[in-house]
Protein backbone atom coordinates (compact mmCIF):
# COMPACT_ATOMS: atom_id res chain seq x y z
CA UNK A 1 20.64 13.34 -6.90
CA UNK A 2 21.93 14.67 -10.22
CA UNK A 3 20.25 17.65 -11.82
CA UNK A 4 18.17 17.38 -14.95
CA UNK A 5 19.99 17.01 -18.28
CA UNK A 6 19.44 20.07 -20.46
CA UNK A 7 18.25 19.27 -23.98
CA UNK A 8 19.70 21.21 -26.86
CA UNK A 9 17.67 22.23 -29.90
CA UNK A 10 19.25 19.40 -31.89
CA UNK A 11 18.35 16.85 -29.22
CA UNK A 12 14.73 17.99 -29.19
CA UNK A 13 14.69 17.98 -32.98
CA UNK A 14 15.87 14.36 -32.94
CA UNK A 15 12.66 13.40 -31.13
CA UNK A 16 10.67 14.40 -34.21
CA UNK A 17 11.85 11.17 -35.82
CA UNK A 18 8.81 9.62 -34.16
CA UNK A 19 6.57 11.95 -36.16
CA UNK A 20 8.31 10.89 -39.36
CA UNK A 21 7.87 7.26 -38.35
CA UNK A 22 4.14 7.78 -37.84
CA UNK A 23 3.87 9.58 -41.21
CA UNK A 24 5.54 6.63 -42.94
CA UNK A 25 3.18 4.16 -41.26
CA UNK A 26 0.14 6.21 -42.25
CA UNK A 27 1.43 6.43 -45.83
CA UNK A 28 2.02 2.69 -46.07
CA UNK A 29 -1.36 1.89 -44.54
CA UNK A 30 -3.13 4.38 -46.80
CA UNK A 31 -4.65 6.23 -43.84
CA UNK A 32 -5.19 9.91 -44.80
CA UNK A 33 -4.07 11.44 -41.50
CA UNK A 34 -0.71 12.94 -42.50
CA UNK A 35 -2.02 16.50 -42.61
CA UNK A 36 -3.67 16.21 -39.19
CA UNK A 37 -0.53 14.76 -37.63
CA UNK A 38 1.61 17.50 -39.14
CA UNK A 39 -0.73 20.27 -37.99
CA UNK A 40 -1.01 18.75 -34.51
CA UNK A 41 2.78 18.52 -34.20
CA UNK A 42 3.30 22.12 -35.29
CA UNK A 43 0.55 23.40 -32.99
CA UNK A 44 1.91 21.44 -30.04
CA UNK A 45 5.42 22.78 -30.60
CA UNK A 46 4.39 26.42 -30.99
CA UNK A 47 1.92 26.32 -28.11
CA UNK A 48 4.41 24.74 -25.70
CA UNK A 49 7.17 27.19 -26.66
CA UNK A 50 4.79 30.09 -26.09
CA UNK A 51 3.59 28.67 -22.77
CA UNK A 52 7.20 28.13 -21.69
CA UNK A 53 8.10 31.80 -22.14
CA UNK A 54 4.85 32.91 -20.49
CA UNK A 55 5.53 30.69 -17.47
CA UNK A 56 9.08 32.04 -17.14
CA UNK A 57 7.65 35.57 -16.98
CA UNK A 58 4.92 34.56 -14.50
CA UNK A 59 7.36 32.74 -12.21
CA UNK A 60 9.64 35.78 -12.14
CA UNK A 61 6.88 38.37 -11.65
CA UNK A 62 5.01 36.63 -8.79
CA UNK A 63 1.97 38.83 -9.48
CA UNK A 64 -1.34 37.62 -7.96
CA UNK A 65 -3.40 39.41 -10.61
CA UNK A 66 -1.54 37.67 -13.43
CA UNK A 67 -1.97 34.30 -11.68
CA UNK A 68 -5.72 34.88 -11.39
CA UNK A 69 -5.86 36.02 -15.02
CA UNK A 70 -4.22 32.77 -16.13
CA UNK A 71 -6.74 30.82 -14.05
CA UNK A 72 -9.66 32.67 -15.66
CA UNK A 73 -8.24 32.00 -19.13
CA UNK A 74 -7.81 28.28 -18.39
CA UNK A 75 -11.35 28.01 -17.02
CA UNK A 76 -12.82 29.90 -19.97
CA UNK A 77 -10.96 27.80 -22.53
CA UNK A 78 -11.97 24.58 -20.76
CA UNK A 79 -15.64 25.57 -20.74
CA UNK A 80 -15.49 26.60 -24.39
CA UNK A 81 -13.79 23.32 -25.26
CA UNK A 82 -16.57 21.37 -23.55
CA UNK A 83 -19.12 23.19 -25.72
CA UNK A 84 -17.10 22.36 -28.83
CA UNK A 85 -16.64 18.69 -27.93
CA UNK A 86 -20.34 18.13 -27.52
CA UNK A 87 -21.76 15.95 -30.27
CA UNK A 88 -25.01 17.95 -30.25
CA UNK A 89 -25.91 21.62 -29.74
CA UNK A 90 -26.32 22.52 -26.08
CA UNK A 91 -29.19 24.59 -24.76
CA UNK A 92 -28.39 27.86 -23.00
CA UNK A 93 -29.51 26.41 -19.67
CA UNK A 94 -27.21 23.40 -20.09
CA UNK A 95 -24.30 25.67 -21.01
CA UNK A 96 -24.86 27.61 -17.80
CA UNK A 97 -24.81 24.36 -15.83
CA UNK A 98 -21.52 23.35 -17.48
CA UNK A 99 -19.94 26.72 -16.67
CA UNK A 100 -21.21 26.69 -13.08
CA UNK A 101 -20.09 23.10 -12.47
CA UNK A 102 -16.61 23.70 -13.89
CA UNK A 103 -16.08 26.95 -12.03
CA UNK A 104 -17.36 25.81 -8.63
CA UNK A 105 -15.98 22.27 -8.76
CA UNK A 106 -12.48 23.08 -9.93
CA UNK A 107 -12.04 26.22 -7.83
CA UNK A 108 -13.23 24.49 -4.66
CA UNK A 109 -10.86 21.58 -5.25
CA UNK A 110 -7.98 23.88 -6.18
CA UNK A 111 -8.34 26.08 -3.09
CA UNK A 112 -8.58 23.07 -0.79
CA UNK A 113 -5.51 21.50 -2.39
CA UNK A 114 -3.44 24.67 -2.17
CA UNK A 115 -4.43 25.78 1.33
CA UNK A 116 -4.93 22.45 3.11
CA UNK A 117 -2.82 19.85 1.28
CA UNK A 118 0.23 21.79 0.06
CA UNK A 119 -0.16 24.97 2.16
CA UNK A 120 1.75 27.19 -0.24
CA UNK A 121 2.82 30.70 0.71
CA UNK A 122 2.09 33.04 -0.90
CA UNK A 123 -1.13 31.47 -2.14
CA UNK A 124 -0.65 32.88 -5.64
CA UNK A 125 2.79 31.33 -6.16
CA UNK A 126 2.52 30.51 -9.90
CA UNK A 127 5.06 27.67 -9.66
CA UNK A 128 2.47 25.63 -7.77
CA UNK A 129 -0.79 27.42 -8.54
CA UNK A 130 -0.73 27.22 -12.33
CA UNK A 131 0.44 23.60 -12.88
CA UNK A 132 -1.95 22.24 -10.25
CA UNK A 133 -4.83 24.33 -11.58
CA UNK A 134 -4.07 23.07 -15.08
CA UNK A 135 -4.19 19.43 -14.01
CA UNK A 136 -7.44 19.82 -12.07
CA UNK A 137 -9.16 21.87 -14.78
CA UNK A 138 -7.93 19.68 -17.63
CA UNK A 139 -9.11 16.43 -16.07
CA UNK A 140 -12.42 17.96 -14.99
CA UNK A 141 -12.93 19.25 -18.53
CA UNK A 142 -12.49 15.73 -19.87
CA UNK A 143 -14.86 14.32 -17.26
CA UNK A 144 -17.65 16.80 -17.96
CA UNK A 145 -17.19 16.40 -21.71
CA UNK A 146 -17.86 12.68 -21.33
CA UNK A 147 -20.74 13.40 -18.97
CA UNK A 148 -22.34 15.87 -21.38
CA UNK A 149 -22.26 13.47 -24.30
CA UNK A 150 -23.55 10.57 -22.22
CA UNK A 151 -26.34 12.66 -20.74
CA UNK A 152 -27.44 13.90 -24.16
CA UNK A 153 -27.32 10.41 -25.65
CA UNK A 154 -29.12 8.90 -22.67
CA UNK A 155 -31.96 11.41 -22.66
CA UNK A 156 -32.43 10.85 -26.38
CA UNK A 157 -32.23 7.05 -26.30
CA UNK A 158 -34.41 6.70 -23.20
CA UNK A 159 -36.87 9.47 -24.04
CA UNK A 160 -39.86 7.14 -24.23
CA UNK A 161 -38.95 5.45 -20.94
CA UNK A 162 -38.53 8.80 -19.21
CA UNK A 163 -41.89 9.99 -20.51
CA UNK A 164 -43.53 6.73 -19.44
CA UNK A 165 -42.11 7.13 -15.94
CA UNK A 166 -43.44 10.68 -15.76
CA UNK A 167 -46.89 9.51 -16.82
CA UNK A 168 -46.84 6.94 -14.01
CA UNK A 169 -46.21 9.68 -11.47
CA UNK A 170 -42.43 9.70 -11.21
CA UNK A 171 -40.63 12.98 -10.60
CA UNK A 172 -38.09 14.21 -13.18
CA UNK A 173 -35.31 13.16 -10.81
CA UNK A 174 -36.70 9.63 -10.54
CA UNK A 175 -37.42 9.36 -14.27
CA UNK A 176 -33.92 10.46 -15.27
CA UNK A 177 -32.04 8.61 -12.51
CA UNK A 178 -30.62 5.83 -14.71
CA UNK A 179 -29.47 8.33 -17.33
CA UNK A 180 -27.85 10.54 -14.68
CA UNK A 181 -26.11 7.60 -13.01
CA UNK A 182 -24.83 6.33 -16.36
CA UNK A 183 -23.49 9.77 -17.29
CA UNK A 184 -21.67 10.08 -13.96
CA UNK A 185 -20.19 6.60 -14.27
CA UNK A 186 -18.95 7.24 -17.81
CA UNK A 187 -17.38 10.55 -16.78
CA UNK A 188 -15.33 9.30 -13.82
CA UNK A 189 -14.36 5.89 -15.20
CA UNK A 190 -11.27 7.11 -17.14
CA UNK A 191 -9.87 8.75 -14.00
CA UNK A 192 -10.40 5.59 -11.96
CA UNK A 193 -8.82 3.45 -14.69
CA UNK A 194 -5.74 5.66 -14.80
CA UNK A 195 -5.35 5.31 -11.03
CA UNK A 196 -5.54 1.52 -11.24
CA UNK A 197 -2.53 1.21 -13.57
CA UNK A 198 -0.50 4.02 -12.08
CA UNK A 199 2.89 3.02 -10.69
CA UNK A 200 2.80 -0.50 -12.15
CA UNK A 201 1.77 -0.09 -15.78
CA UNK A 202 3.08 3.45 -16.21
CA UNK A 203 4.66 6.36 -14.36
CA UNK A 204 2.53 9.52 -14.54
CA UNK A 205 3.89 12.67 -16.16
CA UNK A 206 4.11 14.79 -13.02
CA UNK A 207 6.06 12.14 -11.12
CA UNK A 208 8.36 11.46 -14.07
CA UNK A 209 9.09 15.16 -14.51
CA UNK A 210 9.97 15.59 -10.85
CA UNK A 211 12.25 12.55 -10.84
CA UNK A 212 14.03 13.77 -14.00
CA UNK A 213 14.55 17.17 -12.36
CA UNK A 214 16.39 15.55 -9.46
CA UNK A 215 13.60 15.30 -6.86
CA UNK A 216 13.70 12.25 -4.61
CA UNK A 217 11.38 9.50 -5.91
CA UNK A 218 9.65 9.32 -2.52
CA UNK A 219 8.88 13.04 -2.63
CA UNK A 220 7.67 12.71 -6.22
CA UNK A 221 5.42 9.82 -5.20
CA UNK A 222 3.93 11.84 -2.35
CA UNK A 223 3.10 14.69 -4.73
CA UNK A 224 1.68 12.30 -7.31
CA UNK A 225 -0.59 10.57 -4.80
CA UNK A 226 -1.83 13.93 -3.54
CA UNK A 227 -2.48 15.35 -7.01
CA UNK A 228 -4.24 12.20 -8.23
CA UNK A 229 -6.55 12.30 -5.23
CA UNK A 230 -7.10 16.00 -5.93
CA UNK A 231 -7.91 15.23 -9.56
CA UNK A 232 -10.34 12.49 -8.54
CA UNK A 233 -12.04 14.88 -6.13
CA UNK A 234 -12.23 17.68 -8.70
CA UNK A 235 -13.61 15.42 -11.43
CA UNK A 236 -16.12 13.86 -9.05
CA UNK A 237 -17.34 17.21 -7.73
CA UNK A 238 -17.63 18.90 -11.13
CA UNK A 239 -19.35 15.93 -12.75
CA UNK A 240 -21.83 15.31 -9.91
CA UNK A 241 -22.77 18.98 -9.98
CA UNK A 242 -23.23 18.83 -13.73
CA UNK A 243 -25.38 15.70 -13.89
CA UNK A 244 -27.51 16.67 -10.89
CA UNK A 245 -28.23 20.10 -12.33
CA UNK A 246 -27.94 19.25 -16.00
CA UNK A 247 -30.82 16.77 -16.24
CA UNK A 248 -33.18 19.48 -14.99
CA UNK A 249 -32.63 21.46 -18.19
CA UNK A 250 -34.50 18.72 -20.10
CA UNK A 251 -37.72 19.39 -18.18
CA UNK A 252 -40.03 22.40 -18.11
CA UNK A 253 -41.65 24.11 -15.10
CA UNK A 254 -44.51 21.57 -15.15
CA UNK A 255 -42.09 18.61 -14.87
CA UNK A 256 -42.67 17.66 -18.49
CA UNK A 257 -39.94 16.52 -20.86
CA UNK A 258 -39.10 19.32 -23.29
CA UNK A 259 -39.81 18.50 -26.93
CA UNK A 260 -36.58 20.15 -28.16
């Protein structure tokens, strides 16, 4: 297998022609998104350059404390991003549920993947730890973000039905069951859909990157299957924890629906 082809600065710069193409299309169509596209492109470039140099340092240092620090930063940013993506303000109790679900779900899945599936040594090897953690946390963040919005919308739209069920003697769990199930379904559906088209409709980024770097396609496929199953498990665990604990924040100690 040949090694990966190094890209010069000019070669990378040539790829920005696609940004110019999009800007022209937006201009012709009269869609006022040029500023957002430009800002997004600049942010992406600067962030990735910064991350690249940070990863080079982490890979060379092999320091477990730095690896854990990066994990904490990723988890914190993901949780904060979930709060920001929410279409409505979140109560303090719901924020705690989000943080708990993200931390427990992603860490459990990450540790299982590293120690049982890949069996890396040392366990803090940043070359494996950080990219895998990023994929699990990123996908779980997206899943919970969808679950949060669907849970909030469902409890608002079905408020009268939930209250009616409570009046008829249903427990909060029974009254909110349809909302909880809908939130869980909405949260995991994108992950399932991406798995359905994988390999036929598109080649995932991790697999493509490994193949470009010279790894055997069969090895790349094995890694991709494992990581996709890990992502599915992480998303499922974090979301089920969130919806099963999150709906409880809408009820008070007397099993009544909170007015706020």
